[in-house]
Amino acid sequence: MSAFAWAIDIIRRYEGFHEKAYPDPDTSDKPYTIGYGTQFYPDGSPVKKGQCCTREKALEYLVHELCVIQEELEDIGIYLEGRMLNALLSFIHSIGWQAFLYSNITDNIEQKYMLGVIDEINDWIYDADHRVIGSLLERRREETNLLLGDIGRGTWGSGGILLRAVRNYRGATHQIHALKMLESHSNPYVLAEFANDFRLDETGDYDLTEEELSAIFNCDH
Protein backbone atom coordinates (compact mmCIF):
# COMPACT_ATOMS: atom_id res chain seq x y z
CA MET A 1 0.00 0.00 0.00
CA SER A 2 1.25 3.49 -0.88
CA ALA A 3 2.48 5.58 2.07
CA PHE A 4 -0.07 8.18 0.95
CA ALA A 5 -2.99 5.81 0.31
CA TRP A 6 -5.35 7.31 2.91
CA ALA A 7 -4.66 10.89 1.85
CA ILE A 8 -5.03 10.03 -1.82
CA ASP A 9 -8.38 8.32 -1.17
CA ILE A 10 -9.78 11.34 0.71
CA ILE A 11 -8.47 13.89 -1.80
CA ARG A 12 -9.73 12.00 -4.84
CA ARG A 13 -13.20 11.62 -3.39
CA TYR A 14 -13.64 15.22 -2.28
CA GLU A 15 -11.75 17.03 -5.04
CA GLY A 16 -13.17 14.89 -7.81
CA PHE A 17 -11.45 14.39 -11.16
CA HIS A 18 -11.39 17.25 -13.64
CA GLU A 19 -10.05 16.35 -17.05
CA LYS A 20 -10.08 19.98 -18.22
CA ALA A 21 -8.59 22.91 -16.28
CA TYR A 22 -11.20 25.10 -14.61
CA PRO A 23 -10.87 28.66 -13.23
CA ASP A 24 -10.96 29.80 -9.63
CA PRO A 25 -14.64 30.34 -8.69
CA ASP A 26 -13.87 33.66 -6.97
CA THR A 27 -11.89 35.19 -9.84
CA SER A 28 -13.35 33.29 -12.82
CA ASP A 29 -9.71 33.25 -13.96
CA LYS A 30 -6.35 32.28 -12.43
CA PRO A 31 -5.41 30.10 -10.68
CA TYR A 32 -6.63 27.23 -12.84
CA THR A 33 -7.06 23.75 -11.38
CA ILE A 34 -6.89 20.35 -13.06
CA GLY A 35 -7.01 16.67 -12.13
CA TYR A 36 -7.42 16.15 -8.38
CA GLY A 37 -6.89 19.75 -7.28
CA THR A 38 -3.57 20.43 -9.04
CA GLN A 39 -2.66 24.07 -9.72
CA PHE A 40 1.06 23.62 -10.49
CA TYR A 41 2.72 20.86 -12.48
CA PRO A 42 5.77 18.98 -11.11
CA ASP A 43 8.09 21.30 -13.07
CA GLY A 44 6.63 24.31 -11.28
CA SER A 45 4.66 25.74 -14.20
CA PRO A 46 1.07 26.81 -13.49
CA VAL A 47 -1.97 25.05 -14.88
CA LYS A 48 -3.42 27.11 -17.73
CA LYS A 49 -6.83 27.56 -19.30
CA GLY A 50 -7.77 24.88 -21.82
CA GLN A 51 -5.25 22.29 -20.64
CA CYS A 52 -6.34 18.68 -20.09
CA CYS A 53 -4.99 15.56 -18.40
CA THR A 54 -5.77 11.87 -17.94
CA ARG A 55 -6.64 10.23 -14.63
CA GLU A 56 -3.23 8.57 -14.64
CA LYS A 57 -1.46 11.92 -15.01
CA ALA A 58 -3.72 13.51 -12.40
CA LEU A 59 -2.71 10.83 -9.89
CA GLU A 60 0.94 11.35 -10.78
CA TYR A 61 0.59 15.10 -10.13
CA LEU A 62 -1.17 14.44 -6.83
CA VAL A 63 1.50 12.05 -5.54
CA HIS A 64 4.16 14.61 -6.43
CA GLU A 65 2.27 17.32 -4.49
CA LEU A 66 1.99 15.10 -1.43
CA CYS A 67 5.74 14.35 -1.57
CA VAL A 68 6.44 18.09 -1.69
CA ILE A 69 4.14 18.75 1.28
CA GLN A 70 5.84 16.00 3.29
CA GLU A 71 9.23 17.52 2.51
CA GLU A 72 8.00 20.97 3.55
CA LEU A 73 6.74 19.53 6.84
CA GLU A 74 10.09 17.93 7.52
CA ASP A 75 11.85 21.21 6.64
CA ILE A 76 10.03 22.88 9.57
CA GLY A 77 10.73 19.97 11.90
CA ILE A 78 7.46 18.04 11.66
CA TYR A 79 8.10 14.33 11.13
CA LEU A 80 4.96 12.22 10.94
CA GLU A 81 4.00 8.87 9.45
CA GLY A 82 1.00 6.61 9.01
CA ARG A 83 -2.50 7.94 9.53
CA MET A 84 -1.35 11.16 11.18
CA LEU A 85 0.79 12.07 8.17
CA ASN A 86 -1.99 11.19 5.73
CA ALA A 87 -4.57 13.22 7.65
CA LEU A 88 -2.31 16.27 7.63
CA LEU A 89 -1.40 15.83 3.95
CA SER A 90 -5.06 15.77 2.96
CA PHE A 91 -5.80 18.82 5.11
CA ILE A 92 -2.86 20.88 3.79
CA HIS A 93 -3.66 19.90 0.20
CA SER A 94 -7.15 21.29 0.84
CA ILE A 95 -6.29 24.65 2.45
CA GLY A 96 -2.83 25.35 1.01
CA TRP A 97 0.64 25.53 2.55
CA GLN A 98 0.58 29.23 3.45
CA ALA A 99 -2.76 28.95 5.23
CA PHE A 100 -1.41 25.98 7.15
CA LEU A 101 1.66 27.94 8.27
CA TYR A 102 -0.49 30.80 9.55
CA SER A 103 -2.66 28.47 11.63
CA ASN A 104 -1.87 27.33 15.16
CA ILE A 105 -1.50 23.71 14.06
CA THR A 106 2.29 23.74 13.93
CA ASP A 107 2.48 24.99 17.54
CA ASN A 108 0.03 22.33 18.69
CA ILE A 109 2.01 19.59 16.92
CA GLU A 110 5.26 20.78 18.51
CA GLN A 111 3.55 20.68 21.92
CA LYS A 112 2.07 17.26 21.08
CA TYR A 113 -1.39 18.66 21.80
CA MET A 114 -3.28 16.63 19.22
CA LEU A 115 -6.77 17.62 20.34
CA GLY A 116 -5.70 21.21 19.66
CA VAL A 117 -4.68 20.11 16.17
CA ILE A 118 -8.10 18.54 15.69
CA ASP A 119 -9.92 21.67 16.86
CA GLU A 120 -7.90 23.72 14.38
CA ILE A 121 -8.63 21.34 11.50
CA ASN A 122 -12.34 21.40 12.30
CA ASP A 123 -12.38 25.21 11.99
CA TRP A 124 -11.71 25.00 8.24
CA ILE A 125 -15.26 24.29 7.11
CA TYR A 126 -16.29 27.66 5.65
CA ASP A 127 -16.38 29.21 2.19
CA ALA A 128 -15.31 32.78 1.35
CA ASP A 129 -18.68 34.08 2.63
CA HIS A 130 -18.19 32.21 5.93
CA ARG A 131 -20.93 29.72 5.16
CA VAL A 132 -20.40 26.13 6.32
CA ILE A 133 -19.85 23.73 3.41
CA GLY A 134 -21.17 20.21 3.96
CA SER A 135 -18.44 18.52 1.93
CA LEU A 136 -15.74 20.34 3.93
CA LEU A 137 -17.42 19.36 7.19
CA GLU A 138 -17.50 15.72 6.09
CA ARG A 139 -13.90 15.85 4.87
CA ARG A 140 -12.63 17.38 8.13
CA ARG A 141 -14.43 14.64 10.06
CA GLU A 142 -12.65 11.99 7.99
CA GLU A 143 -9.29 13.70 8.43
CA THR A 144 -9.63 14.09 12.19
CA ASN A 145 -10.87 10.53 12.65
CA LEU A 146 -7.92 9.31 10.58
CA LEU A 147 -5.55 11.29 12.78
CA LEU A 148 -7.17 9.98 15.96
CA GLY A 149 -6.83 6.41 14.73
CA ASP A 150 -3.08 6.66 15.24
CA ILE A 151 -3.19 8.02 18.78
CA GLY A 152 -5.76 5.59 20.14
CA ARG A 153 -8.44 8.12 20.98
CA GLY A 154 -11.36 6.56 19.11
CA THR A 155 -13.32 8.87 16.82
CA TRP A 156 -13.92 12.57 17.15
CA GLY A 157 -16.75 12.97 14.65
CA SER A 158 -17.61 16.55 15.56
CA GLY A 159 -16.61 20.02 14.52
CA GLY A 160 -18.40 21.60 17.47
CA ILE A 161 -21.11 23.14 15.31
CA LEU A 162 -23.92 22.47 17.79
CA LEU A 163 -21.84 23.81 20.67
CA ARG A 164 -21.17 27.01 18.75
CA ALA A 165 -24.84 27.29 17.89
CA VAL A 166 -25.80 26.99 21.57
CA ARG A 167 -23.27 29.63 22.60
CA ASN A 168 -24.50 32.05 19.92
CA TYR A 169 -28.20 31.32 20.27
CA ARG A 170 -30.33 34.46 20.58
CA GLY A 171 -33.78 33.07 19.82
CA ALA A 172 -33.87 34.91 16.50
CA THR A 173 -36.38 33.64 13.95
CA HIS A 174 -33.74 32.29 11.56
CA GLN A 175 -32.01 30.47 14.44
CA ILE A 176 -35.21 28.81 15.59
CA HIS A 177 -35.94 27.80 12.01
CA ALA A 178 -32.45 26.31 11.65
CA LEU A 179 -32.86 24.29 14.86
CA LYS A 180 -36.24 22.99 13.71
CA MET A 181 -34.81 21.98 10.34
CA LEU A 182 -31.93 20.17 12.05
CA GLU A 183 -34.32 18.29 14.30
CA SER A 184 -36.59 17.33 11.39
CA HIS A 185 -33.61 15.81 9.52
CA SER A 186 -32.06 14.05 12.51
CA ASN A 187 -32.24 10.33 13.14
CA PRO A 188 -34.94 9.95 15.84
CA TYR A 189 -32.82 7.48 17.82
CA VAL A 190 -29.82 9.79 17.75
CA LEU A 191 -32.13 12.66 18.71
CA ALA A 192 -33.50 10.68 21.65
CA GLU A 193 -30.00 9.80 22.82
CA PHE A 194 -29.00 13.46 22.56
CA ALA A 195 -32.03 14.56 24.56
CA ASN A 196 -31.25 12.07 27.30
CA ASP A 197 -27.53 12.87 27.42
CA PHE A 198 -28.24 16.60 27.34
CA ARG A 199 -30.83 16.11 30.12
CA LEU A 200 -33.37 18.42 28.59
CA ASP A 201 -35.70 17.85 31.52
CA GLU A 202 -33.19 19.51 33.87
CA THR A 203 -32.50 22.70 31.92
CA GLY A 204 -35.27 24.71 33.54
CA ASP A 205 -38.03 26.88 32.13
CA TYR A 206 -37.54 29.30 29.26
CA ASP A 207 -39.19 32.70 29.19
CA LEU A 208 -39.77 33.07 25.47
CA THR A 209 -41.02 36.35 24.10
CA GLU A 210 -44.22 36.51 22.10
CA GLU A 211 -42.13 37.01 18.97
CA GLU A 212 -40.07 33.89 19.70
CA LEU A 213 -43.17 31.80 20.40
CA SER A 214 -44.67 33.00 17.12
CA ALA A 215 -41.47 32.12 15.30
CA ILE A 216 -41.52 28.57 16.63
CA PHE A 217 -44.88 27.90 15.01
CA ASN A 218 -44.56 30.04 11.89
CA CYS A 219 -41.02 29.77 10.56
CA ASP A 220 -41.39 26.59 8.56
CA HIS A 221 -40.75 28.37 5.26
C-alpha atoms as a PDB file:
ATOM      1  CA  MET A   1       0.000   0.000   0.000  1.00  0.00           C
ATOM      2  CA  SER A   2       1.254   3.492  -0.878  1.00  0.00           C
ATOM      3  CA  ALA A   3       2.482   5.584   2.066  1.00  0.00           C
ATOM      4  CA  PHE A   4      -0.073   8.184   0.954  1.00  0.00           C
ATOM      5  CA  ALA A   5      -2.990   5.807   0.312  1.00  0.00           C
ATOM      6  CA  TRP A   6      -5.353   7.307   2.909  1.00  0.00           C
ATOM      7  CA  ALA A   7      -4.656  10.890   1.855  1.00  0.00           C
ATOM      8  CA  ILE A   8      -5.034  10.027  -1.822  1.00  0.00           C
ATOM      9  CA  ASP A   9      -8.376   8.324  -1.171  1.00  0.00           C
ATOM     10  CA  ILE A  10      -9.784  11.340   0.706  1.00  0.00           C
ATOM     11  CA  ILE A  11      -8.473  13.890  -1.795  1.00  0.00           C
ATOM     12  CA  ARG A  12      -9.732  12.004  -4.842  1.00  0.00           C
ATOM     13  CA  ARG A  13     -13.204  11.624  -3.391  1.00  0.00           C
ATOM     14  CA  TYR A  14     -13.639  15.220  -2.281  1.00  0.00           C
ATOM     15  CA  GLU A  15     -11.750  17.033  -5.037  1.00  0.00           C
ATOM     16  CA  GLY A  16     -13.175  14.887  -7.810  1.00  0.00           C
ATOM     17  CA  PHE A  17     -11.451  14.391 -11.158  1.00  0.00           C
ATOM     18  CA  HIS A  18     -11.394  17.253 -13.643  1.00  0.00           C
ATOM     19  CA  GLU A  19     -10.052  16.351 -17.055  1.00  0.00           C
ATOM     20  CA  LYS A  20     -10.080  19.979 -18.224  1.00  0.00           C
ATOM     21  CA  ALA A  21      -8.591  22.907 -16.285  1.00  0.00           C
ATOM     22  CA  TYR A  22     -11.198  25.099 -14.606  1.00  0.00           C
ATOM     23  CA  PRO A  23     -10.869  28.660 -13.231  1.00  0.00           C
ATOM     24  CA  ASP A  24     -10.959  29.795  -9.630  1.00  0.00           C
ATOM     25  CA  PRO A  25     -14.641  30.335  -8.690  1.00  0.00           C
ATOM     26  CA  ASP A  26     -13.868  33.660  -6.972  1.00  0.00           C
ATOM     27  CA  THR A  27     -11.885  35.195  -9.844  1.00  0.00           C
ATOM     28  CA  SER A  28     -13.349  33.285 -12.821  1.00  0.00           C
ATOM     29  CA  ASP A  29      -9.714  33.252 -13.962  1.00  0.00           C
ATOM     30  CA  LYS A  30      -6.352  32.282 -12.425  1.00  0.00           C
ATOM     31  CA  PRO A  31      -5.413  30.099 -10.677  1.00  0.00           C
ATOM     32  CA  TYR A  32      -6.629  27.227 -12.841  1.00  0.00           C
ATOM     33  CA  THR A  33      -7.058  23.747 -11.381  1.00  0.00           C
ATOM     34  CA  ILE A  34      -6.891  20.351 -13.059  1.00  0.00           C
ATOM     35  CA  GLY A  35      -7.013  16.670 -12.134  1.00  0.00           C
ATOM     36  CA  TYR A  36      -7.419  16.150  -8.379  1.00  0.00           C
ATOM     37  CA  GLY A  37      -6.889  19.751  -7.283  1.00  0.00           C
ATOM     38  CA  THR A  38      -3.568  20.425  -9.043  1.00  0.00           C
ATOM     39  CA  GLN A  39      -2.655  24.066  -9.725  1.00  0.00           C
ATOM     40  CA  PHE A  40       1.055  23.616 -10.490  1.00  0.00           C
ATOM     41  CA  TYR A  41       2.724  20.864 -12.481  1.00  0.00           C
ATOM     42  CA  PRO A  42       5.768  18.981 -11.106  1.00  0.00           C
ATOM     43  CA  ASP A  43       8.094  21.297 -13.071  1.00  0.00           C
ATOM     44  CA  GLY A  44       6.627  24.312 -11.275  1.00  0.00           C
ATOM     45  CA  SER A  45       4.657  25.737 -14.204  1.00  0.00           C
ATOM     46  CA  PRO A  46       1.070  26.808 -13.487  1.00  0.00           C
ATOM     47  CA  VAL A  47      -1.974  25.048 -14.885  1.00  0.00           C
ATOM     48  CA  LYS A  48      -3.425  27.106 -17.727  1.00  0.00           C
ATOM     49  CA  LYS A  49      -6.827  27.563 -19.301  1.00  0.00           C
ATOM     50  CA  GLY A  50      -7.765  24.877 -21.819  1.00  0.00           C
ATOM     51  CA  GLN A  51      -5.245  22.288 -20.635  1.00  0.00           C
ATOM     52  CA  CYS A  52      -6.337  18.678 -20.090  1.00  0.00           C
ATOM     53  CA  CYS A  53      -4.992  15.563 -18.399  1.00  0.00           C
ATOM     54  CA  THR A  54      -5.771  11.873 -17.944  1.00  0.00           C
ATOM     55  CA  ARG A  55      -6.639  10.225 -14.633  1.00  0.00           C
ATOM     56  CA  GLU A  56      -3.228   8.566 -14.641  1.00  0.00           C
ATOM     57  CA  LYS A  57      -1.456  11.916 -15.010  1.00  0.00           C
ATOM     58  CA  ALA A  58      -3.718  13.506 -12.401  1.00  0.00           C
ATOM     59  CA  LEU A  59      -2.712  10.828  -9.893  1.00  0.00           C
ATOM     60  CA  GLU A  60       0.944  11.353 -10.776  1.00  0.00           C
ATOM     61  CA  TYR A  61       0.595  15.096 -10.131  1.00  0.00           C
ATOM     62  CA  LEU A  62      -1.171  14.440  -6.826  1.00  0.00           C
ATOM     63  CA  VAL A  63       1.497  12.049  -5.539  1.00  0.00           C
ATOM     64  CA  HIS A  64       4.165  14.606  -6.426  1.00  0.00           C
ATOM     65  CA  GLU A  65       2.270  17.321  -4.487  1.00  0.00           C
ATOM     66  CA  LEU A  66       1.994  15.099  -1.426  1.00  0.00           C
ATOM     67  CA  CYS A  67       5.737  14.347  -1.572  1.00  0.00           C
ATOM     68  CA  VAL A  68       6.440  18.088  -1.688  1.00  0.00           C
ATOM     69  CA  ILE A  69       4.143  18.749   1.282  1.00  0.00           C
ATOM     70  CA  GLN A  70       5.840  15.999   3.291  1.00  0.00           C
ATOM     71  CA  GLU A  71       9.235  17.523   2.506  1.00  0.00           C
ATOM     72  CA  GLU A  72       8.000  20.965   3.553  1.00  0.00           C
ATOM     73  CA  LEU A  73       6.737  19.535   6.839  1.00  0.00           C
ATOM     74  CA  GLU A  74      10.093  17.935   7.518  1.00  0.00           C
ATOM     75  CA  ASP A  75      11.853  21.211   6.638  1.00  0.00           C
ATOM     76  CA  ILE A  76      10.031  22.881   9.565  1.00  0.00           C
ATOM     77  CA  GLY A  77      10.732  19.974  11.899  1.00  0.00           C
ATOM     78  CA  ILE A  78       7.462  18.044  11.658  1.00  0.00           C
ATOM     79  CA  TYR A  79       8.100  14.334  11.130  1.00  0.00           C
ATOM     80  CA  LEU A  80       4.958  12.221  10.939  1.00  0.00           C
ATOM     81  CA  GLU A  81       3.996   8.874   9.450  1.00  0.00           C
ATOM     82  CA  GLY A  82       1.003   6.611   9.014  1.00  0.00           C
ATOM     83  CA  ARG A  83      -2.499   7.941   9.526  1.00  0.00           C
ATOM     84  CA  MET A  84      -1.346  11.160  11.177  1.00  0.00           C
ATOM     85  CA  LEU A  85       0.791  12.069   8.169  1.00  0.00           C
ATOM     86  CA  ASN A  86      -1.987  11.189   5.727  1.00  0.00           C
ATOM     87  CA  ALA A  87      -4.566  13.221   7.649  1.00  0.00           C
ATOM     88  CA  LEU A  88      -2.315  16.271   7.631  1.00  0.00           C
ATOM     89  CA  LEU A  89      -1.398  15.828   3.952  1.00  0.00           C
ATOM     90  CA  SER A  90      -5.058  15.773   2.957  1.00  0.00           C
ATOM     91  CA  PHE A  91      -5.796  18.821   5.109  1.00  0.00           C
ATOM     92  CA  ILE A  92      -2.857  20.875   3.789  1.00  0.00           C
ATOM     93  CA  HIS A  93      -3.663  19.900   0.200  1.00  0.00           C
ATOM     94  CA  SER A  94      -7.150  21.287   0.840  1.00  0.00           C
ATOM     95  CA  ILE A  95      -6.292  24.646   2.448  1.00  0.00           C
ATOM     96  CA  GLY A  96      -2.829  25.353   1.006  1.00  0.00           C
ATOM     97  CA  TRP A  97       0.640  25.528   2.546  1.00  0.00           C
ATOM     98  CA  GLN A  98       0.580  29.227   3.450  1.00  0.00           C
ATOM     99  CA  ALA A  99      -2.764  28.954   5.231  1.00  0.00           C
ATOM    100  CA  PHE A 100      -1.406  25.978   7.148  1.00  0.00           C
ATOM    101  CA  LEU A 101       1.660  27.936   8.267  1.00  0.00           C
ATOM    102  CA  TYR A 102      -0.485  30.800   9.550  1.00  0.00           C
ATOM    103  CA  SER A 103      -2.662  28.466  11.627  1.00  0.00           C
ATOM    104  CA  ASN A 104      -1.870  27.326  15.165  1.00  0.00           C
ATOM    105  CA  ILE A 105      -1.502  23.707  14.064  1.00  0.00           C
ATOM    106  CA  THR A 106       2.286  23.739  13.933  1.00  0.00           C
ATOM    107  CA  ASP A 107       2.481  24.987  17.540  1.00  0.00           C
ATOM    108  CA  ASN A 108       0.027  22.326  18.692  1.00  0.00           C
ATOM    109  CA  ILE A 109       2.011  19.594  16.918  1.00  0.00           C
ATOM    110  CA  GLU A 110       5.260  20.777  18.513  1.00  0.00           C
ATOM    111  CA  GLN A 111       3.555  20.676  21.919  1.00  0.00           C
ATOM    112  CA  LYS A 112       2.069  17.258  21.077  1.00  0.00           C
ATOM    113  CA  TYR A 113      -1.388  18.662  21.803  1.00  0.00           C
ATOM    114  CA  MET A 114      -3.283  16.625  19.220  1.00  0.00           C
ATOM    115  CA  LEU A 115      -6.772  17.625  20.341  1.00  0.00           C
ATOM    116  CA  GLY A 116      -5.700  21.207  19.656  1.00  0.00           C
ATOM    117  CA  VAL A 117      -4.682  20.109  16.166  1.00  0.00           C
ATOM    118  CA  ILE A 118      -8.098  18.544  15.689  1.00  0.00           C
ATOM    119  CA  ASP A 119      -9.917  21.670  16.859  1.00  0.00           C
ATOM    120  CA  GLU A 120      -7.903  23.724  14.378  1.00  0.00           C
ATOM    121  CA  ILE A 121      -8.632  21.342  11.503  1.00  0.00           C
ATOM    122  CA  ASN A 122     -12.343  21.401  12.296  1.00  0.00           C
ATOM    123  CA  ASP A 123     -12.379  25.205  11.987  1.00  0.00           C
ATOM    124  CA  TRP A 124     -11.705  25.000   8.236  1.00  0.00           C
ATOM    125  CA  ILE A 125     -15.262  24.291   7.105  1.00  0.00           C
ATOM    126  CA  TYR A 126     -16.292  27.658   5.649  1.00  0.00           C
ATOM    127  CA  ASP A 127     -16.378  29.211   2.192  1.00  0.00           C
ATOM    128  CA  ALA A 128     -15.309  32.776   1.351  1.00  0.00           C
ATOM    129  CA  ASP A 129     -18.679  34.075   2.629  1.00  0.00           C
ATOM    130  CA  HIS A 130     -18.194  32.206   5.933  1.00  0.00           C
ATOM    131  CA  ARG A 131     -20.933  29.716   5.159  1.00  0.00           C
ATOM    132  CA  VAL A 132     -20.403  26.126   6.320  1.00  0.00           C
ATOM    133  CA  ILE A 133     -19.846  23.728   3.414  1.00  0.00           C
ATOM    134  CA  GLY A 134     -21.173  20.211   3.957  1.00  0.00           C
ATOM    135  CA  SER A 135     -18.438  18.517   1.935  1.00  0.00           C
ATOM    136  CA  LEU A 136     -15.738  20.337   3.929  1.00  0.00           C
ATOM    137  CA  LEU A 137     -17.415  19.363   7.188  1.00  0.00           C
ATOM    138  CA  GLU A 138     -17.502  15.721   6.093  1.00  0.00           C
ATOM    139  CA  ARG A 139     -13.899  15.847   4.874  1.00  0.00           C
ATOM    140  CA  ARG A 140     -12.634  17.380   8.132  1.00  0.00           C
ATOM    141  CA  ARG A 141     -14.434  14.641  10.056  1.00  0.00           C
ATOM    142  CA  GLU A 142     -12.654  11.987   7.994  1.00  0.00           C
ATOM    143  CA  GLU A 143      -9.288  13.696   8.432  1.00  0.00           C
ATOM    144  CA  THR A 144      -9.631  14.087  12.188  1.00  0.00           C
ATOM    145  CA  ASN A 145     -10.866  10.528  12.653  1.00  0.00           C
ATOM    146  CA  LEU A 146      -7.919   9.312  10.575  1.00  0.00           C
ATOM    147  CA  LEU A 147      -5.549  11.286  12.778  1.00  0.00           C
ATOM    148  CA  LEU A 148      -7.168   9.980  15.964  1.00  0.00           C
ATOM    149  CA  GLY A 149      -6.827   6.414  14.729  1.00  0.00           C
ATOM    150  CA  ASP A 150      -3.078   6.661  15.235  1.00  0.00           C
ATOM    151  CA  ILE A 151      -3.191   8.022  18.780  1.00  0.00           C
ATOM    152  CA  GLY A 152      -5.759   5.591  20.140  1.00  0.00           C
ATOM    153  CA  ARG A 153      -8.439   8.124  20.978  1.00  0.00           C
ATOM    154  CA  GLY A 154     -11.359   6.564  19.112  1.00  0.00           C
ATOM    155  CA  THR A 155     -13.319   8.866  16.824  1.00  0.00           C
ATOM    156  CA  TRP A 156     -13.915  12.574  17.148  1.00  0.00           C
ATOM    157  CA  GLY A 157     -16.747  12.966  14.650  1.00  0.00           C
ATOM    158  CA  SER A 158     -17.612  16.552  15.564  1.00  0.00           C
ATOM    159  CA  GLY A 159     -16.609  20.019  14.523  1.00  0.00           C
ATOM    160  CA  GLY A 160     -18.395  21.603  17.468  1.00  0.00           C
ATOM    161  CA  ILE A 161     -21.110  23.142  15.306  1.00  0.00           C
ATOM    162  CA  LEU A 162     -23.921  22.475  17.786  1.00  0.00           C
ATOM    163  CA  LEU A 163     -21.844  23.809  20.671  1.00  0.00           C
ATOM    164  CA  ARG A 164     -21.165  27.009  18.753  1.00  0.00           C
ATOM    165  CA  ALA A 165     -24.841  27.293  17.893  1.00  0.00           C
ATOM    166  CA  VAL A 166     -25.803  26.985  21.574  1.00  0.00           C
ATOM    167  CA  ARG A 167     -23.273  29.634  22.596  1.00  0.00           C
ATOM    168  CA  ASN A 168     -24.497  32.053  19.918  1.00  0.00           C
ATOM    169  CA  TYR A 169     -28.203  31.320  20.268  1.00  0.00           C
ATOM    170  CA  ARG A 170     -30.335  34.457  20.581  1.00  0.00           C
ATOM    171  CA  GLY A 171     -33.779  33.072  19.820  1.00  0.00           C
ATOM    172  CA  ALA A 172     -33.873  34.907  16.504  1.00  0.00           C
ATOM    173  CA  THR A 173     -36.379  33.643  13.948  1.00  0.00           C
ATOM    174  CA  HIS A 174     -33.744  32.294  11.559  1.00  0.00           C
ATOM    175  CA  GLN A 175     -32.007  30.475  14.436  1.00  0.00           C
ATOM    176  CA  ILE A 176     -35.205  28.810  15.594  1.00  0.00           C
ATOM    177  CA  HIS A 177     -35.941  27.796  12.012  1.00  0.00           C
ATOM    178  CA  ALA A 178     -32.447  26.315  11.650  1.00  0.00           C
ATOM    179  CA  LEU A 179     -32.857  24.292  14.856  1.00  0.00           C
ATOM    180  CA  LYS A 180     -36.241  22.991  13.711  1.00  0.00           C
ATOM    181  CA  MET A 181     -34.810  21.977  10.344  1.00  0.00           C
ATOM    182  CA  LEU A 182     -31.927  20.169  12.051  1.00  0.00           C
ATOM    183  CA  GLU A 183     -34.315  18.291  14.298  1.00  0.00           C
ATOM    184  CA  SER A 184     -36.586  17.327  11.390  1.00  0.00           C
ATOM    185  CA  HIS A 185     -33.610  15.811   9.522  1.00  0.00           C
ATOM    186  CA  SER A 186     -32.059  14.049  12.514  1.00  0.00           C
ATOM    187  CA  ASN A 187     -32.242  10.326  13.137  1.00  0.00           C
ATOM    188  CA  PRO A 188     -34.940   9.951  15.843  1.00  0.00           C
ATOM    189  CA  TYR A 189     -32.823   7.476  17.820  1.00  0.00           C
ATOM    190  CA  VAL A 190     -29.824   9.795  17.746  1.00  0.00           C
ATOM    191  CA  LEU A 191     -32.129  12.662  18.707  1.00  0.00           C
ATOM    192  CA  ALA A 192     -33.502  10.678  21.651  1.00  0.00           C
ATOM    193  CA  GLU A 193     -30.000   9.801  22.823  1.00  0.00           C
ATOM    194  CA  PHE A 194     -28.996  13.457  22.559  1.00  0.00           C
ATOM    195  CA  ALA A 195     -32.032  14.560  24.563  1.00  0.00           C
ATOM    196  CA  ASN A 196     -31.251  12.070  27.301  1.00  0.00           C
ATOM    197  CA  ASP A 197     -27.533  12.871  27.425  1.00  0.00           C
ATOM    198  CA  PHE A 198     -28.239  16.603  27.343  1.00  0.00           C
ATOM    199  CA  ARG A 199     -30.827  16.107  30.123  1.00  0.00           C
ATOM    200  CA  LEU A 200     -33.371  18.419  28.589  1.00  0.00           C
ATOM    201  CA  ASP A 201     -35.697  17.850  31.524  1.00  0.00           C
ATOM    202  CA  GLU A 202     -33.192  19.512  33.870  1.00  0.00           C
ATOM    203  CA  THR A 203     -32.495  22.697  31.925  1.00  0.00           C
ATOM    204  CA  GLY A 204     -35.269  24.706  33.544  1.00  0.00           C
ATOM    205  CA  ASP A 205     -38.028  26.881  32.130  1.00  0.00           C
ATOM    206  CA  TYR A 206     -37.544  29.297  29.264  1.00  0.00           C
ATOM    207  CA  ASP A 207     -39.192  32.696  29.191  1.00  0.00           C
ATOM    208  CA  LEU A 208     -39.769  33.072  25.469  1.00  0.00           C
ATOM    209  CA  THR A 209     -41.018  36.349  24.104  1.00  0.00           C
ATOM    210  CA  GLU A 210     -44.219  36.511  22.105  1.00  0.00           C
ATOM    211  CA  GLU A 211     -42.127  37.011  18.972  1.00  0.00           C
ATOM    212  CA  GLU A 212     -40.072  33.890  19.703  1.00  0.00           C
ATOM    213  CA  LEU A 213     -43.174  31.798  20.402  1.00  0.00           C
ATOM    214  CA  SER A 214     -44.673  33.005  17.120  1.00  0.00           C
ATOM    215  CA  ALA A 215     -41.474  32.120  15.302  1.00  0.00           C
ATOM    216  CA  ILE A 216     -41.525  28.566  16.630  1.00  0.00           C
ATOM    217  CA  PHE A 217     -44.880  27.900  15.009  1.00  0.00           C
ATOM    218  CA  ASN A 218     -44.562  30.040  11.895  1.00  0.00           C
ATOM    219  CA  CYS A 219     -41.022  29.767  10.565  1.00  0.00           C
ATOM    220  CA  ASP A 220     -41.391  26.585   8.556  1.00  0.00           C
ATOM    221  CA  HIS A 221     -40.748  28.371   5.261  1.00  0.00           C
END
